[in-house]
Amino acid sequence: MSTDTDGNGSPEMVKLDVKVTKQRKEEIDRMWREEGYPNRSEFIRDVLRDATNPMLTADALRQLAEGVEDVEQGRTVSLDEAKERLGLDE
């Protein structure tokens, strides 16, 4: 988290100019609306926050991907089946 403040304790905001293709801009505009953001800037700030301060570590993302692969490959069982195999009651 940044320690730069505006004197009132709020993070100091600076303008960042970025050029993107027309197609990318249209994609960003579609996404911020679909995700319910109030505007493009809020969406881009969140994307940048996630890129610079990810909520999940690289190891957690790897484990998540492995879990998805296990599901896709049928290497998982339902909760009911697991309880039955373990002899657990409801």
C-alpha atoms as a PDB file:
ATOM      1  CA  MET A   1       0.000   0.000   0.000  1.00  0.00           C
ATOM      2  CA  SER A   2       1.310   3.431  -0.915  1.00  0.00           C
ATOM      3  CA  THR A   3       2.300   5.838   1.839  1.00  0.00           C
ATOM      4  CA  ASP A   4       2.036   8.911  -0.426  1.00  0.00           C
ATOM      5  CA  THR A   5      -0.831  11.060   0.822  1.00  0.00           C
ATOM      6  CA  ASP A   6      -2.484  14.299  -0.179  1.00  0.00           C
ATOM      7  CA  GLY A   7      -2.116  15.881   3.266  1.00  0.00           C
ATOM      8  CA  ASN A   8      -5.579  14.676   4.361  1.00  0.00           C
ATOM      9  CA  GLY A   9      -4.493  11.081   4.803  1.00  0.00           C
ATOM     10  CA  SER A  10      -5.873   9.999   1.425  1.00  0.00           C
ATOM     11  CA  PRO A  11      -3.555   8.491  -1.164  1.00  0.00           C
ATOM     12  CA  GLU A  12      -2.286  11.116  -3.592  1.00  0.00           C
ATOM     13  CA  MET A  13      -3.741  10.489  -7.043  1.00  0.00           C
ATOM     14  CA  VAL A  14      -1.701  11.100 -10.184  1.00  0.00           C
ATOM     15  CA  LYS A  15      -2.759  10.874 -13.798  1.00  0.00           C
ATOM     16  CA  LEU A  16      -1.334   8.062 -15.888  1.00  0.00           C
ATOM     17  CA  ASP A  17      -1.689   8.235 -19.669  1.00  0.00           C
ATOM     18  CA  VAL A  18      -1.770   4.905 -21.459  1.00  0.00           C
ATOM     19  CA  LYS A  19      -2.322   4.144 -25.127  1.00  0.00           C
ATOM     20  CA  VAL A  20      -4.248   1.014 -26.091  1.00  0.00           C
ATOM     21  CA  THR A  21      -5.725  -0.219 -29.337  1.00  0.00           C
ATOM     22  CA  LYS A  22      -9.295   0.688 -30.186  1.00  0.00           C
ATOM     23  CA  GLN A  23     -10.247  -2.977 -29.809  1.00  0.00           C
ATOM     24  CA  ARG A  24      -8.670  -3.137 -26.313  1.00  0.00           C
ATOM     25  CA  LYS A  25     -10.514   0.046 -25.254  1.00  0.00           C
ATOM     26  CA  GLU A  26     -13.813  -1.441 -26.428  1.00  0.00           C
ATOM     27  CA  GLU A  27     -13.044  -4.634 -24.510  1.00  0.00           C
ATOM     28  CA  ILE A  28     -12.209  -2.657 -21.352  1.00  0.00           C
ATOM     29  CA  ASP A  29     -15.400  -0.599 -21.704  1.00  0.00           C
ATOM     30  CA  ARG A  30     -17.480  -3.763 -22.071  1.00  0.00           C
ATOM     31  CA  MET A  31     -15.809  -5.361 -19.060  1.00  0.00           C
ATOM     32  CA  TRP A  32     -16.159  -2.450 -16.609  1.00  0.00           C
ATOM     33  CA  ARG A  33     -19.851  -2.186 -17.400  1.00  0.00           C
ATOM     34  CA  GLU A  34     -20.415  -5.955 -17.093  1.00  0.00           C
ATOM     35  CA  GLU A  35     -18.556  -6.030 -13.772  1.00  0.00           C
ATOM     36  CA  GLY A  36     -20.650  -3.158 -12.403  1.00  0.00           C
ATOM     37  CA  TYR A  37     -17.921  -0.566 -12.007  1.00  0.00           C
ATOM     38  CA  PRO A  38     -19.101   3.066 -11.966  1.00  0.00           C
ATOM     39  CA  ASN A  39     -16.531   4.025 -14.614  1.00  0.00           C
ATOM     40  CA  ARG A  40     -13.515   2.875 -16.611  1.00  0.00           C
ATOM     41  CA  SER A  41     -10.997   4.482 -14.218  1.00  0.00           C
ATOM     42  CA  GLU A  42     -12.237   2.516 -11.187  1.00  0.00           C
ATOM     43  CA  PHE A  43     -12.017  -0.709 -13.184  1.00  0.00           C
ATOM     44  CA  ILE A  44      -8.479   0.016 -14.377  1.00  0.00           C
ATOM     45  CA  ARG A  45      -7.367   0.981 -10.845  1.00  0.00           C
ATOM     46  CA  ASP A  46      -8.613  -2.399  -9.562  1.00  0.00           C
ATOM     47  CA  VAL A  47      -6.889  -4.260 -12.395  1.00  0.00           C
ATOM     48  CA  LEU A  48      -3.635  -2.450 -11.626  1.00  0.00           C
ATOM     49  CA  ARG A  49      -4.019  -3.155  -7.892  1.00  0.00           C
ATOM     50  CA  ASP A  50      -4.517  -6.856  -8.620  1.00  0.00           C
ATOM     51  CA  ALA A  51      -1.485  -6.906 -10.917  1.00  0.00           C
ATOM     52  CA  THR A  52       0.822  -5.151  -8.463  1.00  0.00           C
ATOM     53  CA  ASN A  53      -0.569  -6.620  -5.233  1.00  0.00           C
ATOM     54  CA  PRO A  54      -2.208  -9.949  -6.085  1.00  0.00           C
ATOM     55  CA  MET A  55      -4.556 -11.492  -3.532  1.00  0.00           C
ATOM     56  CA  LEU A  56      -3.270 -14.986  -4.347  1.00  0.00           C
ATOM     57  CA  THR A  57       0.385 -15.991  -4.376  1.00  0.00           C
ATOM     58  CA  ALA A  58       1.894 -17.714  -7.395  1.00  0.00           C
ATOM     59  CA  ASP A  59       1.864 -20.977  -5.410  1.00  0.00           C
ATOM     60  CA  ALA A  60      -1.828 -20.571  -4.531  1.00  0.00           C
ATOM     61  CA  LEU A  61      -2.663 -19.936  -8.184  1.00  0.00           C
ATOM     62  CA  ARG A  62      -0.718 -23.063  -9.180  1.00  0.00           C
ATOM     63  CA  GLN A  63      -2.590 -25.148  -6.612  1.00  0.00           C
ATOM     64  CA  LEU A  64      -5.896 -23.714  -7.794  1.00  0.00           C
ATOM     65  CA  ALA A  65      -5.056 -24.644 -11.380  1.00  0.00           C
ATOM     66  CA  GLU A  66      -4.169 -28.173 -10.233  1.00  0.00           C
ATOM     67  CA  GLY A  67      -7.541 -28.425  -8.472  1.00  0.00           C
ATOM     68  CA  VAL A  68      -9.388 -27.332 -11.600  1.00  0.00           C
ATOM     69  CA  GLU A  69      -7.472 -29.935 -13.597  1.00  0.00           C
ATOM     70  CA  ASP A  70      -8.400 -32.623 -11.029  1.00  0.00           C
ATOM     71  CA  VAL A  71     -12.081 -31.751 -11.437  1.00  0.00           C
ATOM     72  CA  GLU A  72     -11.830 -31.726 -15.235  1.00  0.00           C
ATOM     73  CA  GLN A  73     -10.057 -35.105 -15.229  1.00  0.00           C
ATOM     74  CA  GLY A  74     -12.622 -36.668 -12.892  1.00  0.00           C
ATOM     75  CA  ARG A  75     -10.159 -37.138 -10.028  1.00  0.00           C
ATOM     76  CA  THR A  76     -12.608 -35.796  -7.446  1.00  0.00           C
ATOM     77  CA  VAL A  77     -15.670 -37.143  -5.629  1.00  0.00           C
ATOM     78  CA  SER A  78     -18.799 -35.517  -4.276  1.00  0.00           C
ATOM     79  CA  LEU A  79     -19.165 -34.676  -0.591  1.00  0.00           C
ATOM     80  CA  ASP A  80     -21.767 -37.442  -0.201  1.00  0.00           C
ATOM     81  CA  GLU A  81     -19.452 -40.008  -1.792  1.00  0.00           C
ATOM     82  CA  ALA A  82     -16.550 -38.930   0.415  1.00  0.00           C
ATOM     83  CA  LYS A  83     -18.736 -39.235   3.549  1.00  0.00           C
ATOM     84  CA  GLU A  84     -19.873 -42.684   2.464  1.00  0.00           C
ATOM     85  CA  ARG A  85     -16.302 -43.846   1.791  1.00  0.00           C
ATOM     86  CA  LEU A  86     -15.212 -42.572   5.190  1.00  0.00           C
ATOM     87  CA  GLY A  87     -18.237 -43.977   6.989  1.00  0.00           C
ATOM     88  CA  LEU A  88     -19.392 -40.579   8.202  1.00  0.00           C
ATOM     89  CA  ASP A  89     -22.987 -39.751   9.071  1.00  0.00           C
ATOM     90  CA  GLU A  90     -24.761 -36.533   8.157  1.00  0.00           C
END
